Protein backbone atom coordinates (compact mmCIF):
# COMPACT_ATOMS: atom_id res chain seq x y z
CA MET A 1 140.89 59.21 94.87
CA THR A 2 138.56 57.92 97.75
CA THR A 3 136.93 60.13 100.13
CA PRO A 4 138.07 59.51 103.63
CA GLU A 5 135.58 58.11 106.03
CA PRO A 6 133.74 60.69 108.46
CA THR A 7 134.86 60.67 111.81
CA LEU A 8 133.34 61.50 115.01
CA TRP A 9 135.52 64.91 114.81
CA THR A 10 134.79 65.78 111.48
CA THR A 11 130.86 65.01 111.86
CA PHE A 12 130.75 67.02 115.26
CA ARG A 13 132.99 70.05 113.70
CA ASP A 14 130.50 70.01 110.46
CA PHE A 15 127.34 69.88 112.85
CA SER A 16 128.43 72.45 115.16
CA ALA A 17 129.22 75.02 112.06
CA VAL A 18 125.56 74.33 111.20
CA VAL A 19 124.21 75.14 114.48
CA VAL A 20 126.29 78.26 114.84
CA PHE A 21 125.19 79.34 111.43
CA ALA A 22 121.57 78.66 112.34
CA VAL A 23 121.78 80.35 115.78
CA VAL A 24 123.65 83.56 114.07
CA GLY A 25 120.63 83.56 111.65
CA ALA A 26 117.89 83.26 113.97
CA THR A 27 119.48 86.11 116.03
CA ALA A 28 119.72 88.56 113.32
CA LEU A 29 116.35 87.67 112.00
CA PHE A 30 114.85 88.11 115.63
CA ALA A 31 116.71 91.52 115.62
CA LEU A 32 115.16 92.75 112.24
CA VAL A 33 111.50 91.62 113.41
CA GLU A 34 112.05 93.58 116.85
CA ARG A 35 113.43 96.60 114.94
CA ALA A 36 110.41 96.18 112.77
CA HIS A 37 107.88 95.95 115.52
CA ALA A 38 109.69 98.74 117.53
CA GLY A 39 108.60 101.06 114.76
CA GLY A 40 105.27 99.95 115.73
CA THR A 41 101.64 101.23 115.30
CA PRO A 42 100.96 104.46 114.10
CA PRO A 43 99.49 107.26 116.20
CA PRO A 44 95.81 107.17 116.24
CA ALA A 45 93.76 109.58 114.20
CA TYR A 46 91.08 109.88 116.64
CA GLU A 47 90.63 109.35 120.22
CA TYR A 48 89.18 106.20 121.32
CA ASP A 49 88.58 104.36 124.51
CA ASP A 50 91.17 101.52 124.97
CA ASP A 51 88.92 99.15 127.10
CA TYR A 52 86.44 98.60 124.15
CA PRO A 53 87.17 96.98 120.69
CA PRO A 54 85.79 98.64 117.51
CA THR A 55 82.35 97.08 116.86
CA VAL A 56 81.97 95.12 113.44
CA ARG A 57 79.93 98.08 112.09
CA GLU A 58 82.57 100.36 113.21
CA ALA A 59 85.02 98.47 111.63
CA TRP A 60 83.26 97.88 108.44
CA SER A 61 82.16 101.44 107.98
CA ALA A 62 86.02 102.48 108.58
CA CYS A 63 87.55 100.18 106.24
CA ALA A 64 84.74 99.58 103.62
CA PRO A 65 86.21 102.00 100.77
CA ASP A 66 89.61 100.61 101.20
CA VAL A 67 87.84 97.03 100.59
CA ARG A 68 86.30 98.27 97.57
CA ARG A 69 89.49 99.68 96.13
CA PHE A 70 91.99 97.21 97.18
CA CYS A 71 90.27 93.81 97.40
CA PRO A 72 87.03 93.93 94.95
CA ASN A 73 87.42 90.24 93.84
CA VAL A 74 87.75 88.86 97.38
CA LEU A 75 85.12 86.67 98.88
CA PRO A 76 84.19 87.38 102.39
CA GLY A 77 84.72 84.75 105.00
CA GLY A 78 87.78 83.03 106.47
CA GLY A 79 89.82 85.97 107.02
CA ARG A 80 90.31 86.67 103.41
CA ILE A 81 89.45 90.32 103.49
CA VAL A 82 91.44 91.16 106.79
CA SER A 83 94.52 89.12 104.96
CA CYS A 84 93.90 91.20 101.80
CA LEU A 85 93.97 94.61 103.83
CA ALA A 86 97.09 93.12 105.75
CA GLY A 87 98.72 92.72 102.48
CA ASN A 88 97.86 96.59 101.39
CA LYS A 89 98.63 98.19 104.86
CA ASP A 90 100.89 100.60 103.71
CA ARG A 91 98.04 101.93 101.27
CA LEU A 92 95.06 102.03 103.85
CA THR A 93 93.71 105.22 104.95
CA LEU A 94 94.31 106.24 108.32
CA ARG A 95 90.74 105.49 109.66
CA CYS A 96 90.85 102.35 108.51
CA ARG A 97 94.27 101.14 109.69
CA ASP A 98 93.53 102.69 113.20
CA THR A 99 90.32 100.78 113.45
CA LEU A 100 92.41 97.60 112.75
CA VAL A 101 95.23 98.14 115.11
CA ARG A 102 93.00 99.19 117.92
CA ALA A 103 91.16 95.80 117.20
CA TRP A 104 94.30 93.84 117.04
CA ALA A 105 95.70 95.75 120.15
CA TYR A 106 92.60 95.01 122.06
CA TYR A 107 92.26 91.21 121.32
CA ARG A 108 96.25 90.65 121.96
CA ARG A 109 95.91 91.60 125.52
């Protein structure tokens, strides 16, 4: 048995099915991401001024215990510590998480 030659119609039909599948998948993924972002940032543990980001000293004093606990073998530099903290975001102390969220919100403007 030989396979029939693809025609313009079968090629278009297969291509359109792939495009529809990709669009539906992308839409579903976007909806999931938006729902996750809607849960958003946690409420602040303490009051702060939104006009100023946390200083490096303030961020380090807030997150140093978490860095020692969750990222003891991570070398500083290149965003490695922030990546490690992001990987442990559900386990961070509220003070560290609030400081990082405040910095992220300020620099994202």
